[in-house]
Amino acid sequence: MRHLLGAICLAAALTACQPDAQTNNPAIATDSAVAEREASAPATGASSFTEAQAQDHLISKGYTNPTALTKSPSGEWVGQASMNGETVNVTIDYQGNVIAS
């Protein structure tokens, strides 16, 4: 009886852990998952990036001369950077999205 109960519990646990084929898993870098993570507005949440990492991230996205980067009260990095010779205000959210305004 104890073995039967253990087998039932194991089967239930395995069933609960099976991925749903209809659900997009954003941890897997498919085209749709990458598009899902890209934002037109900063994602809400505190960034774990250091200032140097935020600067490096801006440079990797094609920005130059990142300046005046400070962490906002809501946790994003905000500052200024240049793109195509024009200085713009930038925000880097915790996901690494760069939003220029």
PDB file of N, CA and C in Angstrom:
ATOM      1  N   MET A   1       0.834  -1.190   0.000  1.00  0.00           N
ATOM      2  CA  MET A   1       0.000   0.000   0.000  1.00  0.00           C
ATOM      3  C   MET A   1       0.878   1.252   0.000  1.00  0.00           C
ATOM      4  N   ARG A   2       1.950   1.204   0.778  1.00  0.00           N
ATOM      5  CA  ARG A   2       2.829   2.362   0.866  1.00  0.00           C
ATOM      6  C   ARG A   2       3.504   2.625  -0.475  1.00  0.00           C
ATOM      7  N   HIS A   3       3.873   1.565  -1.187  1.00  0.00           N
ATOM      8  CA  HIS A   3       4.504   1.719  -2.492  1.00  0.00           C
ATOM      9  C   HIS A   3       3.519   2.295  -3.514  1.00  0.00           C
ATOM     10  N   LEU A   4       2.275   1.879  -3.425  1.00  0.00           N
ATOM     11  CA  LEU A   4       1.250   2.390  -4.325  1.00  0.00           C
ATOM     12  C   LEU A   4       1.032   3.880  -4.093  1.00  0.00           C
ATOM     13  N   LEU A   5       0.969   4.280  -2.839  1.00  0.00           N
ATOM     14  CA  LEU A   5       0.799   5.694  -2.499  1.00  0.00           C
ATOM     15  C   LEU A   5       1.999   6.503  -2.980  1.00  0.00           C
ATOM     16  N   GLY A   6       3.197   5.979  -2.809  1.00  0.00           N
ATOM     17  CA  GLY A   6       4.404   6.656  -3.278  1.00  0.00           C
ATOM     18  C   GLY A   6       4.412   6.807  -4.785  1.00  0.00           C
ATOM     19  N   ALA A   7       3.974   5.771  -5.500  1.00  0.00           N
ATOM     20  CA  ALA A   7       3.930   5.820  -6.959  1.00  0.00           C
ATOM     21  C   ALA A   7       2.910   6.854  -7.440  1.00  0.00           C
ATOM     22  N   ILE A   8       1.785   6.944  -6.761  1.00  0.00           N
ATOM     23  CA  ILE A   8       0.760   7.931  -7.121  1.00  0.00           C
ATOM     24  C   ILE A   8       1.290   9.344  -6.897  1.00  0.00           C
ATOM     25  N   CYS A   9       1.951   9.555  -5.771  1.00  0.00           N
ATOM     26  CA  CYS A   9       2.520  10.884  -5.482  1.00  0.00           C
ATOM     27  C   CYS A   9       3.588  11.253  -6.509  1.00  0.00           C
ATOM     28  N   LEU A  10       4.421  10.303  -6.870  1.00  0.00           N
ATOM     29  CA  LEU A  10       5.461  10.548  -7.859  1.00  0.00           C
ATOM     30  C   LEU A  10       4.848  10.883  -9.214  1.00  0.00           C
ATOM     31  N   ALA A  11       3.828  10.149  -9.613  1.00  0.00           N
ATOM     32  CA  ALA A  11       3.159  10.415 -10.882  1.00  0.00           C
ATOM     33  C   ALA A  11       2.511  11.801 -10.879  1.00  0.00           C
ATOM     34  N   ALA A  12       1.910  12.187  -9.780  1.00  0.00           N
ATOM     35  CA  ALA A  12       1.286  13.503  -9.673  1.00  0.00           C
ATOM     36  C   ALA A  12       2.338  14.606  -9.749  1.00  0.00           C
ATOM     37  N   ALA A  13       3.471  14.403  -9.098  1.00  0.00           N
ATOM     38  CA  ALA A  13       4.536  15.395  -9.125  1.00  0.00           C
ATOM     39  C   ALA A  13       5.115  15.540 -10.528  1.00  0.00           C
ATOM     40  N   LEU A  14       5.326  14.440 -11.208  1.00  0.00           N
ATOM     41  CA  LEU A  14       5.855  14.494 -12.573  1.00  0.00           C
ATOM     42  C   LEU A  14       4.882  15.163 -13.527  1.00  0.00           C
ATOM     43  N   THR A  15       3.613  14.920 -13.355  1.00  0.00           N
ATOM     44  CA  THR A  15       2.597  15.537 -14.198  1.00  0.00           C
ATOM     45  C   THR A  15       2.575  17.050 -13.966  1.00  0.00           C
ATOM     46  N   ALA A  16       2.705  17.476 -12.740  1.00  0.00           N
ATOM     47  CA  ALA A  16       2.688  18.900 -12.412  1.00  0.00           C
ATOM     48  C   ALA A  16       3.910  19.618 -12.967  1.00  0.00           C
ATOM     49  N   CYS A  17       5.010  18.902 -13.138  1.00  0.00           N
ATOM     50  CA  CYS A  17       6.253  19.516 -13.615  1.00  0.00           C
ATOM     51  C   CYS A  17       6.383  19.512 -15.131  1.00  0.00           C
ATOM     52  N   GLN A  18       5.461  18.894 -15.849  1.00  0.00           N
ATOM     53  CA  GLN A  18       5.555  18.841 -17.295  1.00  0.00           C
ATOM     54  C   GLN A  18       5.294  20.224 -17.876  1.00  0.00           C
ATOM     55  N   PRO A  19       6.139  20.678 -18.804  1.00  0.00           N
ATOM     56  CA  PRO A  19       5.907  21.998 -19.395  1.00  0.00           C
ATOM     57  C   PRO A  19       4.660  21.996 -20.272  1.00  0.00           C
ATOM     58  N   ASP A  20       4.007  23.119 -20.291  1.00  0.00           N
ATOM     59  CA  ASP A  20       2.831  23.291 -21.135  1.00  0.00           C
ATOM     60  C   ASP A  20       3.298  23.757 -22.503  1.00  0.00           C
ATOM     61  N   ALA A  21       3.049  22.981 -23.529  1.00  0.00           N
ATOM     62  CA  ALA A  21       3.520  23.294 -24.871  1.00  0.00           C
ATOM     63  C   ALA A  21       2.881  24.567 -25.417  1.00  0.00           C
ATOM     64  N   GLN A  22       1.768  24.999 -24.850  1.00  0.00           N
ATOM     65  CA  GLN A  22       1.080  26.185 -25.337  1.00  0.00           C
ATOM     66  C   GLN A  22       1.604  27.467 -24.691  1.00  0.00           C
ATOM     67  N   THR A  23       2.505  27.348 -23.719  1.00  0.00           N
ATOM     68  CA  THR A  23       2.998  28.509 -22.985  1.00  0.00           C
ATOM     69  C   THR A  23       4.381  28.885 -23.478  1.00  0.00           C
ATOM     70  N   ASN A  24       4.612  30.175 -23.694  1.00  0.00           N
ATOM     71  CA  ASN A  24       5.922  30.672 -24.103  1.00  0.00           C
ATOM     72  C   ASN A  24       6.810  30.781 -22.868  1.00  0.00           C
ATOM     73  N   ASN A  25       8.000  30.208 -22.932  1.00  0.00           N
ATOM     74  CA  ASN A  25       8.953  30.294 -21.836  1.00  0.00           C
ATOM     75  C   ASN A  25       9.971  31.369 -22.185  1.00  0.00           C
ATOM     76  N   PRO A  26       9.889  32.585 -21.574  1.00  0.00           N
ATOM     77  CA  PRO A  26      10.796  33.669 -21.945  1.00  0.00           C
ATOM     78  C   PRO A  26      12.249  33.408 -21.563  1.00  0.00           C
ATOM     79  N   ALA A  27      12.517  32.351 -20.803  1.00  0.00           N
ATOM     80  CA  ALA A  27      13.899  32.034 -20.464  1.00  0.00           C
ATOM     81  C   ALA A  27      14.625  31.389 -21.626  1.00  0.00           C
ATOM     82  N   ILE A  28      13.877  30.884 -22.599  1.00  0.00           N
ATOM     83  CA  ILE A  28      14.471  30.283 -23.787  1.00  0.00           C
ATOM     84  C   ILE A  28      14.515  31.356 -24.867  1.00  0.00           C
ATOM     85  N   ALA A  29      15.682  31.574 -25.455  1.00  0.00           N
ATOM     86  CA  ALA A  29      15.890  32.698 -26.367  1.00  0.00           C
ATOM     87  C   ALA A  29      15.355  32.428 -27.765  1.00  0.00           C
ATOM     88  N   THR A  30      14.048  32.273 -27.872  1.00  0.00           N
ATOM     89  CA  THR A  30      13.420  32.188 -29.182  1.00  0.00           C
ATOM     90  C   THR A  30      13.121  33.608 -29.655  1.00  0.00           C
ATOM     91  N   ASP A  31      12.817  33.774 -30.926  1.00  0.00           N
ATOM     92  CA  ASP A  31      12.511  35.112 -31.441  1.00  0.00           C
ATOM     93  C   ASP A  31      11.343  35.741 -30.701  1.00  0.00           C
ATOM     94  N   SER A  32      10.301  34.964 -30.419  1.00  0.00           N
ATOM     95  CA  SER A  32       9.140  35.533 -29.735  1.00  0.00           C
ATOM     96  C   SER A  32       9.459  35.872 -28.282  1.00  0.00           C
ATOM     97  N   ALA A  33      10.322  35.092 -27.637  1.00  0.00           N
ATOM     98  CA  ALA A  33      10.686  35.383 -26.251  1.00  0.00           C
ATOM     99  C   ALA A  33      11.526  36.649 -26.174  1.00  0.00           C
ATOM    100  N   VAL A  34      12.432  36.840 -27.128  1.00  0.00           N
ATOM    101  CA  VAL A  34      13.247  38.056 -27.145  1.00  0.00           C
ATOM    102  C   VAL A  34      12.345  39.266 -27.380  1.00  0.00           C
ATOM    103  N   ALA A  35      11.422  39.163 -28.319  1.00  0.00           N
ATOM    104  CA  ALA A  35      10.499  40.266 -28.591  1.00  0.00           C
ATOM    105  C   ALA A  35       9.625  40.563 -27.381  1.00  0.00           C
ATOM    106  N   GLU A  36       9.256  39.527 -26.642  1.00  0.00           N
ATOM    107  CA  GLU A  36       8.419  39.706 -25.456  1.00  0.00           C
ATOM    108  C   GLU A  36       9.156  40.497 -24.377  1.00  0.00           C
ATOM    109  N   ARG A  37      10.474  40.280 -24.278  1.00  0.00           N
ATOM    110  CA  ARG A  37      11.251  40.981 -23.254  1.00  0.00           C
ATOM    111  C   ARG A  37      11.585  42.406 -23.643  1.00  0.00           C
ATOM    112  N   GLU A  38      11.598  42.733 -24.940  1.00  0.00           N
ATOM    113  CA  GLU A  38      11.889  44.089 -25.366  1.00  0.00           C
ATOM    114  C   GLU A  38      10.706  44.973 -25.023  1.00  0.00           C
ATOM    115  N   ALA A  39      10.996  46.131 -24.509  1.00  0.00           N
ATOM    116  CA  ALA A  39       9.921  46.986 -24.019  1.00  0.00           C
ATOM    117  C   ALA A  39       9.993  48.362 -24.652  1.00  0.00           C
ATOM    118  N   SER A  40       8.846  49.012 -24.776  1.00  0.00           N
ATOM    119  CA  SER A  40       8.816  50.393 -25.218  1.00  0.00           C
ATOM    120  C   SER A  40       8.763  51.321 -24.007  1.00  0.00           C
ATOM    121  N   ALA A  41       8.528  50.760 -22.845  1.00  0.00           N
ATOM    122  CA  ALA A  41       8.545  51.497 -21.589  1.00  0.00           C
ATOM    123  C   ALA A  41       9.347  50.665 -20.592  1.00  0.00           C
ATOM    124  N   PRO A  42       9.981  51.315 -19.636  1.00  0.00           N
ATOM    125  CA  PRO A  42      10.799  50.539 -18.687  1.00  0.00           C
ATOM    126  C   PRO A  42       9.977  49.503 -17.924  1.00  0.00           C
ATOM    127  N   ALA A  43      10.537  48.307 -17.806  1.00  0.00           N
ATOM    128  CA  ALA A  43       9.905  47.275 -16.986  1.00  0.00           C
ATOM    129  C   ALA A  43      10.062  47.673 -15.525  1.00  0.00           C
ATOM    130  N   THR A  44       9.026  47.476 -14.765  1.00  0.00           N
ATOM    131  CA  THR A  44       9.038  47.857 -13.360  1.00  0.00           C
ATOM    132  C   THR A  44       9.875  46.875 -12.561  1.00  0.00           C
ATOM    133  N   GLY A  45      10.810  47.397 -11.788  1.00  0.00           N
ATOM    134  CA  GLY A  45      11.644  46.555 -10.942  1.00  0.00           C
ATOM    135  C   GLY A  45      13.016  47.163 -10.777  1.00  0.00           C
ATOM    136  N   ALA A  46      13.639  46.855  -9.672  1.00  0.00           N
ATOM    137  CA  ALA A  46      14.965  47.401  -9.364  1.00  0.00           C
ATOM    138  C   ALA A  46      16.041  46.683 -10.164  1.00  0.00           C
ATOM    139  N   SER A  47      16.945  47.452 -10.741  1.00  0.00           N
ATOM    140  CA  SER A  47      18.039  46.906 -11.530  1.00  0.00           C
ATOM    141  C   SER A  47      19.172  46.450 -10.620  1.00  0.00           C
ATOM    142  N   SER A  48      19.789  45.348 -11.000  1.00  0.00           N
ATOM    143  CA  SER A  48      20.961  44.886 -10.256  1.00  0.00           C
ATOM    144  C   SER A  48      22.252  45.288 -10.960  1.00  0.00           C
ATOM    145  N   PHE A  49      22.131  46.037 -12.087  1.00  0.00           N
ATOM    146  CA  PHE A  49      23.313  46.497 -12.800  1.00  0.00           C
ATOM    147  C   PHE A  49      24.073  47.518 -11.972  1.00  0.00           C
ATOM    148  N   THR A  50      25.400  47.498 -12.081  1.00  0.00           N
ATOM    149  CA  THR A  50      26.207  48.582 -11.530  1.00  0.00           C
ATOM    150  C   THR A  50      26.198  49.713 -12.546  1.00  0.00           C
ATOM    151  N   GLU A  51      26.689  50.863 -12.163  1.00  0.00           N
ATOM    152  CA  GLU A  51      26.744  51.980 -13.100  1.00  0.00           C
ATOM    153  C   GLU A  51      27.620  51.634 -14.305  1.00  0.00           C
ATOM    154  N   ALA A  52      28.750  50.974 -14.059  1.00  0.00           N
ATOM    155  CA  ALA A  52      29.647  50.581 -15.151  1.00  0.00           C
ATOM    156  C   ALA A  52      28.963  49.597 -16.099  1.00  0.00           C
ATOM    157  N   GLN A  53      28.189  48.669 -15.551  1.00  0.00           N
ATOM    158  CA  GLN A  53      27.465  47.714 -16.394  1.00  0.00           C
ATOM    159  C   GLN A  53      26.393  48.424 -17.216  1.00  0.00           C
ATOM    160  N   ALA A  54      25.718  49.404 -16.622  1.00  0.00           N
ATOM    161  CA  ALA A  54      24.712  50.171 -17.351  1.00  0.00           C
ATOM    162  C   ALA A  54      25.368  50.945 -18.497  1.00  0.00           C
ATOM    163  N   GLN A  55      26.538  51.544 -18.241  1.00  0.00           N
ATOM    164  CA  GLN A  55      27.266  52.252 -19.294  1.00  0.00           C
ATOM    165  C   GLN A  55      27.671  51.289 -20.410  1.00  0.00           C
ATOM    166  N   ASP A  56      28.226  50.144 -20.037  1.00  0.00           N
ATOM    167  CA  ASP A  56      28.624  49.141 -21.033  1.00  0.00           C
ATOM    168  C   ASP A  56      27.427  48.678 -21.861  1.00  0.00           C
ATOM    169  N   HIS A  57      26.290  48.546 -21.211  1.00  0.00           N
ATOM    170  CA  HIS A  57      25.084  48.104 -21.915  1.00  0.00           C
ATOM    171  C   HIS A  57      24.659  49.151 -22.946  1.00  0.00           C
ATOM    172  N   LEU A  58      24.718  50.421 -22.578  1.00  0.00           N
ATOM    173  CA  LEU A  58      24.374  51.481 -23.524  1.00  0.00           C
ATOM    174  C   LEU A  58      25.320  51.449 -24.725  1.00  0.00           C
ATOM    175  N   ILE A  59      26.600  51.286 -24.460  1.00  0.00           N
ATOM    176  CA  ILE A  59      27.594  51.250 -25.541  1.00  0.00           C
ATOM    177  C   ILE A  59      27.343  50.060 -26.457  1.00  0.00           C
ATOM    178  N   SER A  60      26.979  48.904 -25.875  1.00  0.00           N
ATOM    179  CA  SER A  60      26.707  47.722 -26.698  1.00  0.00           C
ATOM    180  C   SER A  60      25.465  47.908 -27.578  1.00  0.00           C
ATOM    181  N   LYS A  61      24.579  48.820 -27.192  1.00  0.00           N
ATOM    182  CA  LYS A  61      23.370  49.100 -27.971  1.00  0.00           C
ATOM    183  C   LYS A  61      23.590  50.225 -28.987  1.00  0.00           C
ATOM    184  N   GLY A  62      24.850  50.716 -29.097  1.00  0.00           N
ATOM    185  CA  GLY A  62      25.161  51.723 -30.099  1.00  0.00           C
ATOM    186  C   GLY A  62      25.200  53.151 -29.597  1.00  0.00           C
ATOM    187  N   TYR A  63      25.002  53.354 -28.306  1.00  0.00           N
ATOM    188  CA  TYR A  63      25.066  54.700 -27.750  1.00  0.00           C
ATOM    189  C   TYR A  63      26.514  55.048 -27.437  1.00  0.00           C
ATOM    190  N   THR A  64      26.828  56.333 -27.438  1.00  0.00           N
ATOM    191  CA  THR A  64      28.152  56.801 -27.067  1.00  0.00           C
ATOM    192  C   THR A  64      28.022  57.825 -25.953  1.00  0.00           C
ATOM    193  N   ASN A  65      29.109  58.056 -25.265  1.00  0.00           N
ATOM    194  CA  ASN A  65      29.206  59.079 -24.223  1.00  0.00           C
ATOM    195  C   ASN A  65      28.077  59.024 -23.188  1.00  0.00           C
ATOM    196  N   PRO A  66      27.853  57.864 -22.564  1.00  0.00           N
ATOM    197  CA  PRO A  66      26.830  57.824 -21.510  1.00  0.00           C
ATOM    198  C   PRO A  66      27.277  58.660 -20.311  1.00  0.00           C
ATOM    199  N   THR A  67      26.428  59.582 -19.885  1.00  0.00           N
ATOM    200  CA  THR A  67      26.779  60.482 -18.783  1.00  0.00           C
ATOM    201  C   THR A  67      25.623  60.605 -17.805  1.00  0.00           C
ATOM    202  N   ALA A  68      25.952  61.106 -16.647  1.00  0.00           N
ATOM    203  CA  ALA A  68      24.977  61.440 -15.601  1.00  0.00           C
ATOM    204  C   ALA A  68      24.048  60.280 -15.269  1.00  0.00           C
ATOM    205  N   LEU A  69      24.564  59.049 -15.290  1.00  0.00           N
ATOM    206  CA  LEU A  69      23.718  57.898 -14.945  1.00  0.00           C
ATOM    207  C   LEU A  69      23.494  57.863 -13.438  1.00  0.00           C
ATOM    208  N   THR A  70      22.250  57.830 -13.070  1.00  0.00           N
ATOM    209  CA  THR A  70      21.876  57.706 -11.656  1.00  0.00           C
ATOM    210  C   THR A  70      20.743  56.692 -11.559  1.00  0.00           C
ATOM    211  N   LYS A  71      20.630  56.090 -10.403  1.00  0.00           N
ATOM    212  CA  LYS A  71      19.554  55.129 -10.187  1.00  0.00           C
ATOM    213  C   LYS A  71      18.317  55.894  -9.710  1.00  0.00           C
ATOM    214  N   SER A  72      17.213  55.672 -10.395  1.00  0.00           N
ATOM    215  CA  SER A  72      15.967  56.347 -10.029  1.00  0.00           C
ATOM    216  C   SER A  72      15.380  55.707  -8.771  1.00  0.00           C
ATOM    217  N   PRO A  73      14.432  56.382  -8.119  1.00  0.00           N
ATOM    218  CA  PRO A  73      13.794  55.798  -6.938  1.00  0.00           C
ATOM    219  C   PRO A  73      13.110  54.460  -7.225  1.00  0.00           C
ATOM    220  N   SER A  74      12.675  54.246  -8.482  1.00  0.00           N
ATOM    221  CA  SER A  74      12.019  52.977  -8.816  1.00  0.00           C
ATOM    222  C   SER A  74      13.009  51.910  -9.281  1.00  0.00           C
ATOM    223  N   GLY A  75      14.309  52.238  -9.327  1.00  0.00           N
ATOM    224  CA  GLY A  75      15.326  51.228  -9.563  1.00  0.00           C
ATOM    225  C   GLY A  75      15.950  51.172 -10.935  1.00  0.00           C
ATOM    226  N   GLU A  76      15.477  51.985 -11.903  1.00  0.00           N
ATOM    227  CA  GLU A  76      16.088  51.993 -13.232  1.00  0.00           C
ATOM    228  C   GLU A  76      17.276  52.953 -13.248  1.00  0.00           C
ATOM    229  N   TRP A  77      18.179  52.730 -14.196  1.00  0.00           N
ATOM    230  CA  TRP A  77      19.266  53.666 -14.438  1.00  0.00           C
ATOM    231  C   TRP A  77      18.769  54.699 -15.442  1.00  0.00           C
ATOM    232  N   VAL A  78      18.939  55.971 -15.124  1.00  0.00           N
ATOM    233  CA  VAL A  78      18.546  57.053 -16.018  1.00  0.00           C
ATOM    234  C   VAL A  78      19.731  57.983 -16.223  1.00  0.00           C
ATOM    235  N   GLY A  79      19.810  58.578 -17.399  1.00  0.00           N
ATOM    236  CA  GLY A  79      20.902  59.500 -17.697  1.00  0.00           C
ATOM    237  C   GLY A  79      20.800  59.973 -19.122  1.00  0.00           C
ATOM    238  N   GLN A  80      21.949  60.317 -19.695  1.00  0.00           N
ATOM    239  CA  GLN A  80      21.991  60.784 -21.067  1.00  0.00           C
ATOM    240  C   GLN A  80      23.063  60.028 -21.825  1.00  0.00           C
ATOM    241  N   ALA A  81      22.881  59.939 -23.129  1.00  0.00           N
ATOM    242  CA  ALA A  81      23.858  59.322 -24.017  1.00  0.00           C
ATOM    243  C   ALA A  81      23.622  59.878 -25.411  1.00  0.00           C
ATOM    244  N   SER A  82      24.590  59.678 -26.281  1.00  0.00           N
ATOM    245  CA  SER A  82      24.470  60.160 -27.655  1.00  0.00           C
ATOM    246  C   SER A  82      24.173  59.004 -28.592  1.00  0.00           C
ATOM    247  N   MET A  83      23.339  59.304 -29.589  1.00  0.00           N
ATOM    248  CA  MET A  83      23.035  58.339 -30.645  1.00  0.00           C
ATOM    249  C   MET A  83      22.961  59.137 -31.939  1.00  0.00           C
ATOM    250  N   ASN A  84      23.809  58.759 -32.891  1.00  0.00           N
ATOM    251  CA  ASN A  84      23.874  59.462 -34.180  1.00  0.00           C
ATOM    252  C   ASN A  84      24.116  60.956 -34.003  1.00  0.00           C
ATOM    253  N   GLY A  85      24.964  61.317 -33.044  1.00  0.00           N
ATOM    254  CA  GLY A  85      25.329  62.711 -32.821  1.00  0.00           C
ATOM    255  C   GLY A  85      24.332  63.522 -32.022  1.00  0.00           C
ATOM    256  N   GLU A  86      23.241  62.915 -31.615  1.00  0.00           N
ATOM    257  CA  GLU A  86      22.208  63.622 -30.853  1.00  0.00           C
ATOM    258  C   GLU A  86      22.181  63.105 -29.425  1.00  0.00           C
ATOM    259  N   THR A  87      22.162  64.015 -28.456  1.00  0.00           N
ATOM    260  CA  THR A  87      22.084  63.617 -27.047  1.00  0.00           C
ATOM    261  C   THR A  87      20.627  63.352 -26.687  1.00  0.00           C
ATOM    262  N   VAL A  88      20.386  62.182 -26.080  1.00  0.00           N
ATOM    263  CA  VAL A  88      19.032  61.795 -25.690  1.00  0.00           C
ATOM    264  C   VAL A  88      19.026  61.351 -24.231  1.00  0.00           C
ATOM    265  N   ASN A  89      17.872  61.433 -23.609  1.00  0.00           N
ATOM    266  CA  ASN A  89      17.687  60.880 -22.271  1.00  0.00           C
ATOM    267  C   ASN A  89      17.462  59.383 -22.423  1.00  0.00           C
ATOM    268  N   VAL A  90      18.103  58.595 -21.568  1.00  0.00           N
ATOM    269  CA  VAL A  90      17.977  57.140 -21.647  1.00  0.00           C
ATOM    270  C   VAL A  90      17.579  56.566 -20.295  1.00  0.00           C
ATOM    271  N   THR A  91      16.866  55.472 -20.363  1.00  0.00           N
ATOM    272  CA  THR A  91      16.497  54.694 -19.185  1.00  0.00           C
ATOM    273  C   THR A  91      16.855  53.248 -19.467  1.00  0.00           C
ATOM    274  N   ILE A  92      17.521  52.593 -18.515  1.00  0.00           N
ATOM    275  CA  ILE A  92      17.858  51.177 -18.631  1.00  0.00           C
ATOM    276  C   ILE A  92      17.132  50.454 -17.514  1.00  0.00           C
ATOM    277  N   ASP A  93      16.194  49.575 -17.903  1.00  0.00           N
ATOM    278  CA  ASP A  93      15.426  48.864 -16.883  1.00  0.00           C
ATOM    279  C   ASP A  93      16.170  47.615 -16.414  1.00  0.00           C
ATOM    280  N   TYR A  94      15.596  46.907 -15.476  1.00  0.00           N
ATOM    281  CA  TYR A  94      16.271  45.757 -14.876  1.00  0.00           C
ATOM    282  C   TYR A  94      16.469  44.614 -15.864  1.00  0.00           C
ATOM    283  N   GLN A  95      15.717  44.610 -16.968  1.00  0.00           N
ATOM    284  CA  GLN A  95      15.856  43.577 -17.981  1.00  0.00           C
ATOM    285  C   GLN A  95      16.925  43.931 -19.010  1.00  0.00           C
ATOM    286  N   GLY A  96      17.454  45.150 -18.940  1.00  0.00           N
ATOM    287  CA  GLY A  96      18.442  45.588 -19.901  1.00  0.00           C
ATOM    288  C   GLY A  96      17.863  46.324 -21.089  1.00  0.00           C
ATOM    289  N   ASN A  97      16.554  46.564 -21.082  1.00  0.00           N
ATOM    290  CA  ASN A  97      15.950  47.348 -22.157  1.00  0.00           C
ATOM    291  C   ASN A  97      16.422  48.788 -22.047  1.00  0.00           C
ATOM    292  N   VAL A  98      16.758  49.395 -23.180  1.00  0.00           N
ATOM    293  CA  VAL A  98      17.148  50.802 -23.218  1.00  0.00           C
ATOM    294  C   VAL A  98      16.021  51.570 -23.889  1.00  0.00           C
ATOM    295  N   ILE A  99      15.501  52.548 -23.178  1.00  0.00           N
ATOM    296  CA  ILE A  99      14.421  53.367 -23.692  1.00  0.00           C
ATOM    297  C   ILE A  99      14.958  54.789 -23.803  1.00  0.00           C
ATOM    298  N   ALA A 100      14.919  55.336 -25.005  1.00  0.00           N
ATOM    299  CA  ALA A 100      15.408  56.697 -25.248  1.00  0.00           C
ATOM    300  C   ALA A 100      14.224  57.630 -25.387  1.00  0.00           C
ATOM    301  N   SER A 101      14.407  58.840 -24.865  1.00  0.00           N
ATOM    302  CA  SER A 101      13.347  59.855 -25.007  1.00  0.00           C
ATOM    303  C   SER A 101      13.956  61.203 -25.295  1.00  0.00           C
TER     304      SER A 101
END
